[in-house]
C-alpha atoms as a PDB file:
ATOM      1  CA  MET A   1      -0.064  -0.048  -0.175  1.00  0.00           C
ATOM      2  CA  LYS A   2       1.306   3.363  -1.200  1.00  0.00           C
ATOM      3  CA  HIS A   3       1.668   6.220   1.468  1.00  0.00           C
ATOM      4  CA  LEU A   4       1.070   9.448  -0.219  1.00  0.00           C
ATOM      5  CA  SER A   5       3.249  12.484   0.792  1.00  0.00           C
ATOM      6  CA  ASP A   6       1.596  15.674   2.331  1.00  0.00           C
ATOM      7  CA  ILE A   7       2.439  17.602  -0.835  1.00  0.00           C
ATOM      8  CA  GLU A   8       0.575  14.738  -2.371  1.00  0.00           C
ATOM      9  CA  ILE A   9      -2.137  15.069  -0.389  1.00  0.00           C
ATOM     10  CA  ALA A  10      -2.320  18.970  -0.030  1.00  0.00           C
ATOM     11  CA  GLN A  11      -2.383  18.835  -4.047  1.00  0.00           C
ATOM     12  CA  HIS A  12      -5.496  16.407  -4.125  1.00  0.00           C
ATOM     13  CA  LYS A  13      -8.002  19.246  -2.234  1.00  0.00           C
ATOM     14  CA  LYS A  14      -9.719  21.689  -3.711  1.00  0.00           C
ATOM     15  CA  LEU A  15      -9.429  24.801  -2.162  1.00  0.00           C
ATOM     16  CA  ILE A  16     -12.070  26.433  -0.413  1.00  0.00           C
ATOM     17  CA  HIS A  17     -12.727  30.339  -0.498  1.00  0.00           C
ATOM     18  CA  ILE A  18     -11.922  31.905   2.910  1.00  0.00           C
ATOM     19  CA  ARG A  19     -15.636  33.547   2.974  1.00  0.00           C
ATOM     20  CA  GLU A  20     -16.687  30.172   3.005  1.00  0.00           C
ATOM     21  CA  ILE A  21     -14.871  29.108   5.589  1.00  0.00           C
ATOM     22  CA  ALA A  22     -15.446  32.539   7.873  1.00  0.00           C
ATOM     23  CA  ALA A  23     -19.191  32.282   7.105  1.00  0.00           C
ATOM     24  CA  LYS A  24     -18.895  28.505   8.823  1.00  0.00           C
ATOM     25  CA  LEU A  25     -17.477  30.331  11.646  1.00  0.00           C
ATOM     26  CA  GLY A  26     -19.993  33.122  11.834  1.00  0.00           C
ATOM     27  CA  ILE A  27     -18.202  35.775  10.549  1.00  0.00           C
ATOM     28  CA  GLU A  28     -19.104  38.546   8.564  1.00  0.00           C
ATOM     29  CA  GLU A  29     -17.620  39.492   5.063  1.00  0.00           C
ATOM     30  CA  ASP A  30     -16.806  42.698   6.745  1.00  0.00           C
ATOM     31  CA  ASP A  31     -14.298  42.007   9.351  1.00  0.00           C
ATOM     32  CA  LEU A  32     -12.066  40.270   6.596  1.00  0.00           C
ATOM     33  CA  GLU A  33      -9.216  41.810   5.582  1.00  0.00           C
ATOM     34  CA  MET A  34      -8.614  39.661   2.097  1.00  0.00           C
ATOM     35  CA  TYR A  35      -5.528  38.731   0.987  1.00  0.00           C
ATOM     36  CA  GLY A  36      -6.537  36.730  -1.909  1.00  0.00           C
ATOM     37  CA  LYS A  37      -9.322  33.779  -2.319  1.00  0.00           C
ATOM     38  CA  TYR A  38      -7.593  31.492   0.414  1.00  0.00           C
ATOM     39  CA  LYS A  39      -6.398  33.736   3.113  1.00  0.00           C
ATOM     40  CA  ALA A  40      -7.601  36.622   5.496  1.00  0.00           C
ATOM     41  CA  LYS A  41      -6.645  38.539   8.356  1.00  0.00           C
ATOM     42  CA  LEU A  42      -9.054  39.036  11.291  1.00  0.00           C
ATOM     43  CA  PRO A  43      -9.098  42.046  14.176  1.00  0.00           C
ATOM     44  CA  LEU A  44      -7.583  41.400  17.267  1.00  0.00           C
ATOM     45  CA  SER A  45     -11.165  42.039  18.809  1.00  0.00           C
ATOM     46  CA  PHE A  46     -12.197  38.680  18.172  1.00  0.00           C
ATOM     47  CA  ILE A  47      -9.775  37.748  20.350  1.00  0.00           C
ATOM     48  CA  ASP A  48     -11.555  36.502  23.539  1.00  0.00           C
ATOM     49  CA  GLU A  49      -9.280  36.913  26.301  1.00  0.00           C
ATOM     50  CA  GLU A  50     -11.509  34.995  28.621  1.00  0.00           C
ATOM     51  CA  LYS A  51     -11.042  31.626  26.753  1.00  0.00           C
ATOM     52  CA  ILE A  52      -7.830  32.489  26.557  1.00  0.00           C
ATOM     53  CA  LYS A  53      -7.268  32.369  30.307  1.00  0.00           C
ATOM     54  CA  LYS A  54      -9.107  28.678  30.411  1.00  0.00           C
ATOM     55  CA  ASN A  55      -7.324  26.914  27.589  1.00  0.00           C
ATOM     56  CA  ASN A  56      -3.654  25.624  27.176  1.00  0.00           C
ATOM     57  CA  LEU A  57      -1.150  26.945  24.523  1.00  0.00           C
ATOM     58  CA  ILE A  58       0.550  24.411  22.888  1.00  0.00           C
ATOM     59  CA  LEU A  59       3.949  25.429  21.430  1.00  0.00           C
ATOM     60  CA  VAL A  60       5.667  23.868  18.310  1.00  0.00           C
ATOM     61  CA  THR A  61       9.413  24.435  18.069  1.00  0.00           C
ATOM     62  CA  ALA A  62      13.100  23.108  17.290  1.00  0.00           C
ATOM     63  CA  ILE A  63      11.430  20.674  14.353  1.00  0.00           C
ATOM     64  CA  THR A  64      13.991  19.610  11.538  1.00  0.00           C
ATOM     65  CA  PRO A  65      11.929  19.969   8.306  1.00  0.00           C
ATOM     66  CA  THR A  66      11.527  17.429   5.777  1.00  0.00           C
ATOM     67  CA  PRO A  67      13.368  17.956   1.962  1.00  0.00           C
ATOM     68  CA  ALA A  68       9.566  19.036   1.249  1.00  0.00           C
ATOM     69  CA  GLY A  69      10.051  21.809   3.781  1.00  0.00           C
ATOM     70  CA  GLU A  70       7.332  20.375   6.263  1.00  0.00           C
ATOM     71  CA  GLY A  71       7.855  21.287   9.717  1.00  0.00           C
ATOM     72  CA  LYS A  72       6.386  23.364  12.219  1.00  0.00           C
ATOM     73  CA  THR A  73       3.425  24.784  10.201  1.00  0.00           C
ATOM     74  CA  THR A  74       2.153  21.353   8.927  1.00  0.00           C
ATOM     75  CA  VAL A  75       2.742  19.436  12.684  1.00  0.00           C
ATOM     76  CA  SER A  76       0.956  22.439  14.157  1.00  0.00           C
ATOM     77  CA  ILE A  77      -2.062  22.171  11.676  1.00  0.00           C
ATOM     78  CA  GLY A  78      -2.278  19.033  11.887  1.00  0.00           C
ATOM     79  CA  LEU A  79      -2.415  18.655  15.376  1.00  0.00           C
ATOM     80  CA  THR A  80      -4.955  21.514  15.308  1.00  0.00           C
ATOM     81  CA  GLU A  81      -7.425  19.442  13.524  1.00  0.00           C
ATOM     82  CA  GLY A  82      -6.856  16.487  15.293  1.00  0.00           C
ATOM     83  CA  LEU A  83      -7.911  18.051  18.534  1.00  0.00           C
ATOM     84  CA  ASN A  84     -11.062  19.642  16.854  1.00  0.00           C
ATOM     85  CA  LYS A  85     -12.037  16.419  15.692  1.00  0.00           C
ATOM     86  CA  ILE A  86     -11.502  15.520  19.461  1.00  0.00           C
END
């Protein structure tokens, strides 16, 4: 059984417009500072300081990337998706 690399998996996925993702989260389009179709910044006012105090921070540091450049970002996103699924 052949396992796909991270880049092969990423290339097979259809990107979702950031507006669709924001809508699922209840974020108004006017609150998005767009950076193309797939990236946007959100205002700092969206940070709930009370929620931050109740949660834990997981730092991902000192990972040696693979030759394809996979490293901290890939691990952080994978970890976040896994925790959200739980």
